[in-house]
Amino acid sequence: MIPKKVSDRIAKTLGGFQKILASAKDRDVNEADTVTIVADIVATVFGFDKYPRSRVNFVFAEPTAIWP
């Protein structure tokens, strides 16, 4: 069972996302935008870190020049 205090906090916080969710639905946003919205909701409601595995992916190409 969820304590009333927590339930009230969740309801209040999710209420702030109603316009964002309605707008996203109307615009038929893509999966990446949906993931961003869900990450914001989870971070705001539960205090989770939105960027726990942030990293930059680099693509290293083979050199095209031939060195003497």
N, C-alpha and C. Protein backbone atom coordinates (compact mmCIF):
# COMPACT_ATOMS: atom_id res chain seq x y z
N MET A 1 0.84 -1.18 0.00
CA MET A 1 0.00 0.00 0.00
C MET A 1 0.89 1.25 0.00
N ILE A 2 0.49 2.22 -0.78
CA ILE A 2 1.25 3.47 -0.88
C ILE A 2 0.75 4.43 0.19
N PRO A 3 1.66 5.00 0.98
CA PRO A 3 1.23 5.97 2.00
C PRO A 3 0.54 7.18 1.35
N LYS A 4 -0.41 7.76 2.04
CA LYS A 4 -1.18 8.88 1.52
C LYS A 4 -0.28 10.04 1.12
N LYS A 5 0.73 10.32 1.92
CA LYS A 5 1.64 11.43 1.63
C LYS A 5 2.32 11.23 0.27
N VAL A 6 2.76 10.01 0.01
CA VAL A 6 3.43 9.69 -1.25
C VAL A 6 2.42 9.73 -2.40
N SER A 7 1.24 9.18 -2.17
CA SER A 7 0.19 9.18 -3.19
C SER A 7 -0.19 10.61 -3.58
N ASP A 8 -0.31 11.49 -2.59
CA ASP A 8 -0.64 12.89 -2.86
C ASP A 8 0.47 13.57 -3.66
N ARG A 9 1.72 13.28 -3.32
CA ARG A 9 2.86 13.87 -4.04
C ARG A 9 2.87 13.41 -5.49
N ILE A 10 2.61 12.13 -5.71
CA ILE A 10 2.60 11.59 -7.07
C ILE A 10 1.48 12.24 -7.88
N ALA A 11 0.30 12.32 -7.32
CA ALA A 11 -0.84 12.91 -8.02
C ALA A 11 -0.58 14.38 -8.35
N LYS A 12 -0.01 15.12 -7.40
CA LYS A 12 0.27 16.54 -7.62
C LYS A 12 1.32 16.71 -8.71
N THR A 13 2.36 15.91 -8.66
CA THR A 13 3.45 16.03 -9.62
C THR A 13 3.00 15.62 -11.02
N LEU A 14 2.25 14.53 -11.11
CA LEU A 14 1.78 14.09 -12.42
C LEU A 14 0.81 15.09 -13.03
N GLY A 15 0.10 15.80 -12.19
CA GLY A 15 -0.81 16.84 -12.69
C GLY A 15 -0.07 17.90 -13.48
N GLY A 16 1.16 18.18 -13.09
CA GLY A 16 1.96 19.17 -13.80
C GLY A 16 2.40 18.70 -15.18
N PHE A 17 2.32 17.42 -15.43
CA PHE A 17 2.72 16.87 -16.73
C PHE A 17 1.54 16.70 -17.69
N GLN A 18 0.34 17.03 -17.25
CA GLN A 18 -0.84 16.81 -18.08
C GLN A 18 -0.77 17.58 -19.41
N LYS A 19 -0.36 18.84 -19.36
CA LYS A 19 -0.27 19.63 -20.60
C LYS A 19 0.81 19.07 -21.52
N ILE A 20 1.92 18.68 -20.94
CA ILE A 20 3.02 18.12 -21.73
C ILE A 20 2.57 16.83 -22.41
N LEU A 21 1.90 15.97 -21.65
CA LEU A 21 1.43 14.70 -22.21
C LEU A 21 0.36 14.90 -23.28
N ALA A 22 -0.54 15.83 -23.05
CA ALA A 22 -1.59 16.11 -24.04
C ALA A 22 -0.97 16.66 -25.32
N SER A 23 -0.01 17.55 -25.18
CA SER A 23 0.66 18.11 -26.34
C SER A 23 1.43 17.04 -27.12
N ALA A 24 2.10 16.17 -26.39
CA ALA A 24 2.85 15.08 -27.03
C ALA A 24 1.91 14.15 -27.78
N LYS A 25 0.76 13.88 -27.20
CA LYS A 25 -0.22 13.01 -27.86
C LYS A 25 -0.75 13.67 -29.12
N ASP A 26 -1.08 14.96 -29.03
CA ASP A 26 -1.60 15.68 -30.19
C ASP A 26 -0.58 15.74 -31.33
N ARG A 27 0.70 15.88 -30.96
CA ARG A 27 1.75 15.97 -31.98
C ARG A 27 2.22 14.60 -32.44
N ASP A 28 1.74 13.55 -31.81
CA ASP A 28 2.14 12.18 -32.14
C ASP A 28 3.67 12.07 -32.14
N VAL A 29 4.26 12.40 -30.98
CA VAL A 29 5.72 12.43 -30.87
C VAL A 29 6.33 11.05 -31.08
N ASN A 30 7.61 11.07 -31.42
CA ASN A 30 8.31 9.81 -31.68
C ASN A 30 8.76 9.16 -30.36
N GLU A 31 9.37 8.01 -30.49
CA GLU A 31 9.77 7.23 -29.31
C GLU A 31 10.81 7.96 -28.47
N ALA A 32 11.74 8.62 -29.11
CA ALA A 32 12.79 9.33 -28.37
C ALA A 32 12.19 10.44 -27.51
N ASP A 33 11.22 11.17 -28.05
CA ASP A 33 10.57 12.22 -27.26
C ASP A 33 9.77 11.62 -26.11
N THR A 34 9.13 10.48 -26.36
CA THR A 34 8.37 9.80 -25.31
C THR A 34 9.29 9.35 -24.18
N VAL A 35 10.44 8.82 -24.53
CA VAL A 35 11.42 8.39 -23.52
C VAL A 35 11.86 9.58 -22.68
N THR A 36 12.08 10.71 -23.31
CA THR A 36 12.49 11.92 -22.59
C THR A 36 11.41 12.35 -21.60
N ILE A 37 10.16 12.32 -22.03
CA ILE A 37 9.06 12.72 -21.15
C ILE A 37 8.95 11.75 -19.97
N VAL A 38 9.03 10.46 -20.25
CA VAL A 38 8.94 9.46 -19.18
C VAL A 38 10.11 9.61 -18.21
N ALA A 39 11.31 9.86 -18.72
CA ALA A 39 12.48 10.06 -17.85
C ALA A 39 12.28 11.27 -16.96
N ASP A 40 11.72 12.34 -17.51
CA ASP A 40 11.43 13.54 -16.70
C ASP A 40 10.41 13.24 -15.60
N ILE A 41 9.39 12.49 -15.95
CA ILE A 41 8.36 12.14 -14.96
C ILE A 41 8.96 11.29 -13.84
N VAL A 42 9.70 10.26 -14.20
CA VAL A 42 10.28 9.37 -13.20
C VAL A 42 11.28 10.13 -12.32
N ALA A 43 12.07 11.00 -12.94
CA ALA A 43 13.04 11.78 -12.17
C ALA A 43 12.33 12.73 -11.21
N THR A 44 11.27 13.36 -11.67
CA THR A 44 10.56 14.33 -10.84
C THR A 44 9.77 13.65 -9.73
N VAL A 45 9.04 12.61 -10.07
CA VAL A 45 8.17 11.95 -9.07
C VAL A 45 8.98 11.16 -8.05
N PHE A 46 9.97 10.39 -8.54
CA PHE A 46 10.69 9.48 -7.65
C PHE A 46 12.11 9.93 -7.31
N GLY A 47 12.56 11.01 -7.93
CA GLY A 47 13.88 11.52 -7.63
C GLY A 47 15.02 10.73 -8.26
N PHE A 48 14.72 9.96 -9.30
CA PHE A 48 15.76 9.19 -9.97
C PHE A 48 16.65 10.09 -10.82
N ASP A 49 17.88 9.67 -11.00
CA ASP A 49 18.81 10.38 -11.86
C ASP A 49 18.43 10.12 -13.31
N LYS A 50 18.23 11.20 -14.07
CA LYS A 50 17.85 11.04 -15.47
C LYS A 50 19.00 10.55 -16.34
N TYR A 51 20.21 10.75 -15.87
CA TYR A 51 21.37 10.44 -16.70
C TYR A 51 22.33 9.46 -16.02
N PRO A 52 21.85 8.31 -15.61
CA PRO A 52 22.74 7.41 -14.88
C PRO A 52 23.82 6.77 -15.75
N ARG A 53 23.55 6.65 -17.03
CA ARG A 53 24.50 5.98 -17.91
C ARG A 53 24.89 6.88 -19.07
N SER A 54 24.97 8.17 -18.81
CA SER A 54 25.32 9.09 -19.88
C SER A 54 26.72 8.78 -20.38
N ARG A 55 26.83 8.79 -21.67
CA ARG A 55 28.14 8.58 -22.26
C ARG A 55 28.08 9.11 -23.69
N VAL A 56 29.22 9.37 -24.20
CA VAL A 56 29.31 9.84 -25.58
C VAL A 56 29.88 8.72 -26.41
N ASN A 57 29.22 8.43 -27.49
CA ASN A 57 29.72 7.40 -28.40
C ASN A 57 30.48 8.06 -29.54
N PHE A 58 31.68 7.62 -29.75
CA PHE A 58 32.50 8.15 -30.83
C PHE A 58 32.62 7.10 -31.92
N VAL A 59 32.64 7.58 -33.13
CA VAL A 59 32.87 6.69 -34.26
C VAL A 59 34.24 7.04 -34.81
N PHE A 60 35.11 6.06 -34.79
CA PHE A 60 36.45 6.27 -35.31
C PHE A 60 36.54 5.65 -36.69
N ALA A 61 36.81 6.48 -37.66
CA ALA A 61 36.94 5.99 -39.03
C ALA A 61 38.40 5.71 -39.34
N GLU A 62 38.60 4.81 -40.25
CA GLU A 62 39.98 4.52 -40.69
C GLU A 62 40.49 5.74 -41.44
N PRO A 63 41.75 6.06 -41.25
CA PRO A 63 42.29 7.21 -41.98
C PRO A 63 42.23 6.97 -43.49
N THR A 64 41.90 8.03 -44.21
CA THR A 64 41.81 7.89 -45.67
C THR A 64 43.10 8.30 -46.36
N ALA A 65 43.94 9.04 -45.68
CA ALA A 65 45.20 9.46 -46.28
C ALA A 65 46.26 8.39 -46.07
N ILE A 66 47.11 8.25 -47.02
CA ILE A 66 48.21 7.29 -46.92
C ILE A 66 49.45 8.08 -46.55
N TRP A 67 50.02 7.74 -45.44
CA TRP A 67 51.19 8.46 -44.96
C TRP A 67 52.45 7.85 -45.58
N PRO A 68 53.39 8.72 -45.99
CA PRO A 68 54.64 8.20 -46.59
C PRO A 68 55.49 7.43 -45.62
